[in-house]
Amino acid sequence: MNQQAKILFYDGQRVRSEDLEFLQENLLQNQQCLNAVLGKKGVIWGFRVNAVDNKNISVGKGLAFDQFSRPVIHPASAILPLSLADDSLFLHVKYVPKVTQENNGQPLRIENNYQFVFYGENDMEINKEVTLAQIRPRDGGYDIIQKGEWYIPPIHSTHSGQFFEDDQGLWRYDGDPVVSAITPDFDSGWISLEARSDVNLSHGLGSNIFLVQLQKRLPGSIISSKGNGVDFYYELHDTSIIRLFNISDEQLTLCAKLWRLDQQINPLLAPVADAGMDINAEYCESFNLDGSDSMAFQGRSVVRYRWSLFD
């Protein structure tokens, strides 16, 4: 696409079909650039899937972009018939252009349209459309699973790993928990250094390419990075040692944490358990617990529940 591509118009100019096609193509390319900023195909908001009965599911209104940056706009909730199989089914939404006006058999107007499609786990087409839900059969019914990886989080996401309704009542995904919350590859613990002293710590990780967090502890259990690079700092002398320096005139208590950056690290995020709303029940009174809103991340799904009783 040419930078700032456009057509210059003037009074009396004859507009050809090629000119309008050029403008349309330019608009589509700009839309694809916007989608590249988002980084992937997926659901922007909505498409919440719920069970109606053993033969039907409901799909809420929503907005998604497919792999070619084409919008899929589902304006109202719909009921879809469900044919359960022995294995999981995956519900997708597929962009389908619709001819709404013709002239002598030639299409004049094509509008955005879509259709819902079910695929099996081994279907070759499964990755071509926007995934909405997994329907997994079980004794007496089925479970509906919607994963955050199929959604594009909003810019203001807080990475809670949860679905939520925003101020406009739109159902969104808040983003996966950030990897920085994962346990570091090396943690020195709190170490006291006398004034104008240093210490060598063996991390044994065989690398000097790290994300390093160096902090000091203050009275009153306060943790701070103030003075980093002025009163204290670190050096990586080789691939097994980190050296901490206290260059201030007082004793400091420091802690160094290291995360390796020179290898593909994909730590597994712990599943999030959700048993629903709190329930108050009388002694000997029966009640139901529903853990279907529990979630797993990074392409995994919850396949087993274990309940524990606490006094």
Protein backbone atom coordinates (compact mmCIF):
# COMPACT_ATOMS: atom_id res chain seq x y z
CA MET A 1 0.00 0.00 0.00
CA ASN A 2 1.28 3.47 -0.89
CA GLN A 3 1.81 5.84 2.00
CA GLN A 4 -1.22 8.15 2.37
CA ALA A 5 -2.70 6.69 -0.82
CA LYS A 6 -5.60 8.76 -2.15
CA ILE A 7 -7.31 10.09 -5.27
CA LEU A 8 -7.40 13.83 -5.93
CA PHE A 9 -10.83 14.98 -7.18
CA TYR A 10 -11.71 18.17 -9.05
CA ASP A 11 -14.90 19.70 -10.45
CA GLY A 12 -16.06 18.03 -13.63
CA GLN A 13 -13.86 14.97 -13.15
CA ARG A 14 -15.30 11.70 -14.37
CA VAL A 15 -15.23 9.11 -11.57
CA ARG A 16 -14.50 5.64 -12.89
CA SER A 17 -15.24 2.31 -11.23
CA GLU A 18 -11.47 1.77 -10.87
CA ASP A 19 -11.27 4.92 -8.73
CA LEU A 20 -13.90 3.66 -6.29
CA GLU A 21 -12.33 0.21 -6.22
CA PHE A 22 -9.00 1.86 -5.38
CA LEU A 23 -10.59 3.70 -2.46
CA GLN A 24 -12.23 0.50 -1.23
CA GLU A 25 -8.96 -1.42 -1.43
CA ASN A 26 -7.16 1.35 0.44
CA LEU A 27 -9.80 1.28 3.16
CA LEU A 28 -9.45 -2.49 3.54
CA GLN A 29 -5.67 -2.22 3.77
CA ASN A 30 -5.98 0.43 6.47
CA GLN A 31 -8.32 -1.89 8.34
CA GLN A 32 -5.77 -4.70 8.07
CA CYS A 33 -3.12 -2.39 9.52
CA LEU A 34 -5.40 -1.70 12.46
CA ASN A 35 -5.92 -5.42 12.94
CA ALA A 36 -2.13 -5.91 12.88
CA VAL A 37 -1.93 -3.50 15.81
CA LEU A 38 -4.36 -5.72 17.68
CA GLY A 39 -2.02 -8.58 16.87
CA LYS A 40 -4.38 -11.39 15.97
CA LYS A 41 -7.86 -12.43 14.98
CA GLY A 42 -10.35 -12.86 17.77
CA VAL A 43 -13.35 -11.60 19.66
CA ILE A 44 -13.32 -7.94 20.70
CA TRP A 45 -16.37 -8.27 22.94
CA GLY A 46 -19.45 -10.39 23.44
CA PHE A 47 -20.37 -13.77 21.91
CA ARG A 48 -21.11 -15.13 25.36
CA VAL A 49 -22.27 -18.74 25.01
CA ASN A 50 -24.72 -20.33 27.47
CA ALA A 51 -26.63 -23.59 27.67
CA VAL A 52 -30.39 -23.43 27.06
CA ASP A 53 -31.10 -27.17 27.27
CA ASN A 54 -29.56 -30.40 25.97
CA LYS A 55 -30.48 -29.47 22.40
CA ASN A 56 -29.82 -25.72 22.22
CA ILE A 57 -27.30 -23.07 23.20
CA SER A 58 -27.53 -19.29 23.15
CA VAL A 59 -24.93 -16.92 21.68
CA GLY A 60 -24.96 -13.30 22.82
CA LYS A 61 -24.33 -10.30 20.60
CA GLY A 62 -20.72 -9.45 19.86
CA LEU A 63 -17.95 -8.10 17.63
CA ALA A 64 -14.95 -10.01 16.23
CA PHE A 65 -12.33 -9.73 13.48
CA ASP A 66 -11.29 -12.72 11.37
CA GLN A 67 -7.78 -13.48 10.08
CA PHE A 68 -8.28 -11.11 7.12
CA SER A 69 -9.42 -8.22 9.39
CA ARG A 70 -13.02 -8.55 8.25
CA PRO A 71 -15.55 -7.55 10.91
CA VAL A 72 -18.09 -10.01 12.24
CA ILE A 73 -20.93 -8.09 13.88
CA HIS A 74 -23.55 -10.19 15.68
CA PRO A 75 -26.26 -7.64 16.61
CA ALA A 76 -28.54 -9.72 18.87
CA SER A 77 -28.63 -12.95 20.85
CA ALA A 78 -29.43 -16.12 18.93
CA ILE A 79 -30.39 -19.70 19.75
CA LEU A 80 -28.42 -22.44 17.97
CA PRO A 81 -29.42 -26.11 17.74
CA LEU A 82 -26.83 -28.44 19.22
CA SER A 83 -26.06 -32.01 18.11
CA LEU A 84 -23.88 -33.55 20.79
CA ALA A 85 -21.08 -35.88 19.71
CA ASP A 86 -18.81 -38.24 21.62
CA ASP A 87 -15.94 -35.73 21.42
CA SER A 88 -15.83 -31.99 21.93
CA LEU A 89 -17.37 -29.61 19.42
CA PHE A 90 -15.96 -26.14 18.76
CA LEU A 91 -18.29 -23.27 17.90
CA HIS A 92 -16.84 -20.78 15.41
CA VAL A 93 -18.17 -17.70 13.68
CA LYS A 94 -17.34 -17.39 9.99
CA TYR A 95 -17.31 -14.26 7.85
CA VAL A 96 -19.60 -14.66 4.82
CA PRO A 97 -20.12 -11.75 2.37
CA LYS A 98 -23.74 -11.22 1.36
CA VAL A 99 -24.94 -9.76 -1.95
CA THR A 100 -27.80 -7.37 -1.16
CA GLN A 101 -28.25 -5.66 -4.54
CA GLU A 102 -27.85 -6.87 -8.13
CA ASN A 103 -28.20 -5.51 -11.65
CA ASN A 104 -28.77 -8.03 -14.46
CA GLY A 105 -27.23 -10.74 -12.32
CA GLN A 106 -24.17 -8.67 -11.45
CA PRO A 107 -23.66 -7.90 -7.74
CA LEU A 108 -23.78 -4.19 -6.96
CA ARG A 109 -23.67 -4.19 -3.18
CA ILE A 110 -21.93 -6.68 -0.90
CA GLU A 111 -22.42 -6.37 2.86
CA ASN A 112 -20.75 -8.01 5.84
CA ASN A 113 -22.47 -11.16 7.00
CA TYR A 114 -21.56 -14.28 8.97
CA GLN A 115 -22.63 -17.74 10.02
CA PHE A 116 -22.01 -19.98 13.02
CA VAL A 117 -20.19 -23.25 12.34
CA PHE A 118 -19.46 -26.30 14.51
CA TYR A 119 -16.18 -28.18 14.02
CA GLY A 120 -14.85 -31.39 15.55
CA GLU A 121 -11.49 -31.52 17.31
CA ASN A 122 -9.79 -33.06 14.25
CA ASP A 123 -11.48 -30.95 11.58
CA MET A 124 -8.94 -29.36 9.24
CA GLU A 125 -10.96 -26.13 9.11
CA ILE A 126 -10.90 -25.57 12.86
CA ASN A 127 -8.21 -22.86 12.88
CA LYS A 128 -9.50 -20.79 9.96
CA GLU A 129 -12.38 -19.03 11.71
CA VAL A 130 -12.89 -17.16 14.99
CA THR A 131 -13.31 -19.61 17.87
CA LEU A 132 -16.09 -18.84 20.33
CA ALA A 133 -16.56 -21.87 22.58
CA GLN A 134 -15.77 -25.51 23.23
CA ILE A 135 -18.77 -27.77 23.96
CA ARG A 136 -17.53 -30.81 25.85
CA PRO A 137 -19.95 -33.71 26.45
CA ARG A 138 -20.32 -35.36 29.85
CA ASP A 139 -22.78 -37.73 31.50
CA GLY A 140 -26.20 -36.13 31.45
CA GLY A 141 -25.24 -33.05 29.46
CA TYR A 142 -22.28 -30.92 28.39
CA ASP A 143 -19.93 -28.18 29.56
CA ILE A 144 -19.32 -24.89 27.73
CA ILE A 145 -15.77 -23.52 27.85
CA GLN A 146 -14.74 -20.09 26.60
CA LYS A 147 -11.04 -19.26 26.75
CA GLY A 148 -9.43 -15.87 27.12
CA GLU A 149 -6.93 -16.70 24.37
CA TRP A 150 -9.78 -16.42 21.85
CA TYR A 151 -10.39 -12.78 22.90
CA ILE A 152 -8.48 -9.56 22.30
CA PRO A 153 -8.31 -7.72 25.67
CA PRO A 154 -9.11 -3.99 25.85
CA ILE A 155 -6.24 -1.52 26.16
CA HIS A 156 -7.11 -0.76 29.78
CA SER A 157 -7.03 -4.45 30.83
CA THR A 158 -5.66 -5.25 34.30
CA HIS A 159 -4.64 -8.86 33.43
CA SER A 160 -6.83 -10.48 36.05
CA GLY A 161 -7.51 -13.52 33.85
CA GLN A 162 -11.26 -12.99 34.25
CA PHE A 163 -14.21 -12.19 32.00
CA PHE A 164 -16.17 -9.08 32.96
CA GLU A 165 -18.81 -6.61 31.80
CA ASP A 166 -17.50 -3.12 31.05
CA ASP A 167 -19.29 0.19 31.68
CA GLN A 168 -21.39 -0.34 28.54
CA GLY A 169 -22.42 -3.84 29.58
CA LEU A 170 -20.15 -5.46 26.96
CA TRP A 171 -18.69 -8.84 27.87
CA ARG A 172 -14.88 -8.77 27.60
CA TYR A 173 -11.77 -10.65 28.66
CA ASP A 174 -9.40 -8.83 31.01
CA GLY A 175 -6.18 -10.42 29.72
CA ASP A 176 -4.01 -13.26 31.00
CA PRO A 177 -2.10 -12.77 34.27
CA VAL A 178 1.25 -11.16 33.52
CA VAL A 179 4.32 -13.39 33.48
CA SER A 180 6.20 -11.03 35.81
CA ALA A 181 4.09 -12.44 38.63
CA ILE A 182 5.76 -15.85 38.12
CA THR A 183 8.45 -17.01 40.55
CA PRO A 184 11.90 -15.69 39.45
CA ASP A 185 14.66 -18.02 38.30
CA PHE A 186 16.84 -16.75 41.15
CA ASP A 187 15.95 -15.01 44.42
CA SER A 188 18.80 -13.98 46.72
CA GLY A 189 16.55 -13.30 49.69
CA TRP A 190 17.32 -10.34 51.96
CA ILE A 191 21.04 -9.77 52.46
CA SER A 192 22.64 -7.22 54.82
CA LEU A 193 25.61 -5.31 53.42
CA GLU A 194 27.79 -3.07 55.53
CA ALA A 195 28.51 0.47 54.35
CA ARG A 196 30.90 0.61 51.38
CA SER A 197 30.89 -3.14 50.87
CA ASP A 198 29.93 -5.69 48.22
CA VAL A 199 29.08 -9.39 47.94
CA ASN A 200 29.22 -12.04 45.21
CA LEU A 201 26.14 -14.27 44.89
CA SER A 202 26.14 -17.49 42.86
CA HIS A 203 22.93 -17.87 40.85
CA GLY A 204 24.20 -20.80 38.72
CA LEU A 205 21.87 -20.06 35.79
CA GLY A 206 24.55 -20.07 33.10
CA SER A 207 23.55 -16.74 31.59
CA ASN A 208 24.06 -13.01 31.96
CA ILE A 209 20.93 -11.98 30.05
CA PHE A 210 18.34 -11.27 32.73
CA LEU A 211 15.54 -9.09 33.87
CA VAL A 212 16.93 -7.99 37.26
CA GLN A 213 14.94 -6.53 40.13
CA LEU A 214 17.11 -5.02 42.90
CA GLN A 215 15.38 -3.59 45.96
CA LYS A 216 16.19 -2.48 49.49
CA ARG A 217 14.22 -2.97 52.68
CA LEU A 218 13.46 0.01 54.92
CA PRO A 219 12.17 0.12 58.51
CA GLY A 220 8.49 -0.68 58.91
CA SER A 221 8.54 -3.49 56.29
CA ILE A 222 8.75 -0.96 53.45
CA ILE A 223 10.26 -2.23 50.17
CA SER A 224 11.79 0.41 47.89
CA SER A 225 13.95 0.86 44.78
CA LYS A 226 14.86 4.43 45.72
CA GLY A 227 18.62 4.90 45.54
CA ASN A 228 19.15 2.13 42.97
CA GLY A 229 22.19 3.14 40.93
CA VAL A 230 23.14 5.81 43.49
CA ASP A 231 23.40 4.09 46.89
CA PHE A 232 23.45 0.51 45.60
CA TYR A 233 23.72 -1.35 42.28
CA TYR A 234 24.60 -4.73 40.76
CA GLU A 235 27.02 -6.15 38.21
CA LEU A 236 27.01 -9.40 36.24
CA HIS A 237 30.66 -10.46 36.01
CA ASP A 238 30.05 -13.83 34.36
CA THR A 239 27.25 -16.34 33.70
CA SER A 240 27.07 -17.64 37.28
CA ILE A 241 27.65 -14.66 39.61
CA ILE A 242 25.75 -11.48 40.41
CA ARG A 243 27.62 -8.91 42.51
CA LEU A 244 25.77 -6.48 44.77
CA PHE A 245 27.37 -3.17 45.84
CA ASN A 246 26.47 -0.92 48.77
CA ILE A 247 28.22 2.38 48.10
CA SER A 248 26.32 4.35 50.75
CA ASP A 249 27.61 5.32 54.20
CA GLU A 250 25.09 3.12 56.02
CA GLN A 251 24.18 -0.56 56.21
CA LEU A 252 21.61 -1.67 53.62
CA THR A 253 19.43 -4.77 53.31
CA LEU A 254 19.13 -5.74 49.63
CA CYS A 255 17.35 -8.39 47.58
CA ALA A 256 18.06 -9.39 43.96
CA LYS A 257 15.66 -11.37 41.74
CA LEU A 258 16.53 -12.63 38.25
CA TRP A 259 14.38 -13.76 35.31
CA ARG A 260 16.17 -15.33 32.33
CA LEU A 261 15.47 -13.67 28.97
CA ASP A 262 17.67 -15.73 26.65
CA GLN A 263 15.49 -18.80 26.37
CA GLN A 264 11.86 -19.60 25.61
CA ILE A 265 10.22 -19.81 28.98
CA ASN A 266 6.53 -20.55 29.06
CA PRO A 267 5.64 -21.14 32.72
CA LEU A 268 2.25 -22.66 33.35
CA LEU A 269 -0.19 -20.31 35.01
CA ALA A 270 -2.21 -21.88 37.78
CA PRO A 271 -5.92 -22.46 37.09
CA VAL A 272 -8.41 -20.17 38.80
CA ALA A 273 -11.12 -21.90 40.86
CA ASP A 274 -14.61 -20.36 40.90
CA ALA A 275 -17.38 -22.20 42.73
CA GLY A 276 -19.97 -19.47 42.19
CA MET A 277 -21.79 -17.29 44.69
CA ASP A 278 -21.56 -17.96 48.44
CA ILE A 279 -24.32 -20.23 49.74
CA ASN A 280 -25.81 -20.36 53.24
CA ALA A 281 -27.46 -23.71 53.97
CA GLU A 282 -29.01 -25.24 57.05
CA TYR A 283 -27.69 -28.47 58.55
CA CYS A 284 -28.79 -31.51 56.46
CA GLU A 285 -30.11 -29.21 53.73
CA SER A 286 -28.93 -30.15 50.22
CA PHE A 287 -27.37 -27.58 47.87
CA ASN A 288 -25.43 -27.46 44.58
CA LEU A 289 -21.93 -26.13 43.93
CA ASP A 290 -21.08 -25.10 40.37
CA GLY A 291 -17.42 -24.86 39.36
CA SER A 292 -18.06 -24.38 35.64
CA ASP A 293 -16.75 -20.79 35.74
CA SER A 294 -13.30 -22.03 36.78
CA MET A 295 -10.63 -21.31 34.17
CA ALA A 296 -7.28 -22.59 32.93
CA PHE A 297 -4.88 -20.58 30.76
CA GLN A 298 -2.45 -21.04 27.85
CA GLY A 299 -4.69 -23.34 25.81
CA ARG A 300 -5.53 -25.70 28.67
CA SER A 301 -8.96 -26.51 30.05
CA VAL A 302 -10.33 -27.69 33.39
CA VAL A 303 -11.04 -31.41 33.06
CA ARG A 304 -11.45 -32.49 36.69
CA TYR A 305 -12.86 -30.94 39.86
CA ARG A 306 -11.93 -31.96 43.40
CA TRP A 307 -13.95 -30.64 46.31
CA SER A 308 -12.63 -30.37 49.90
CA LEU A 309 -14.57 -29.82 53.11
CA PHE A 310 -13.15 -27.43 55.71
CA ASP A 311 -14.41 -26.90 59.25
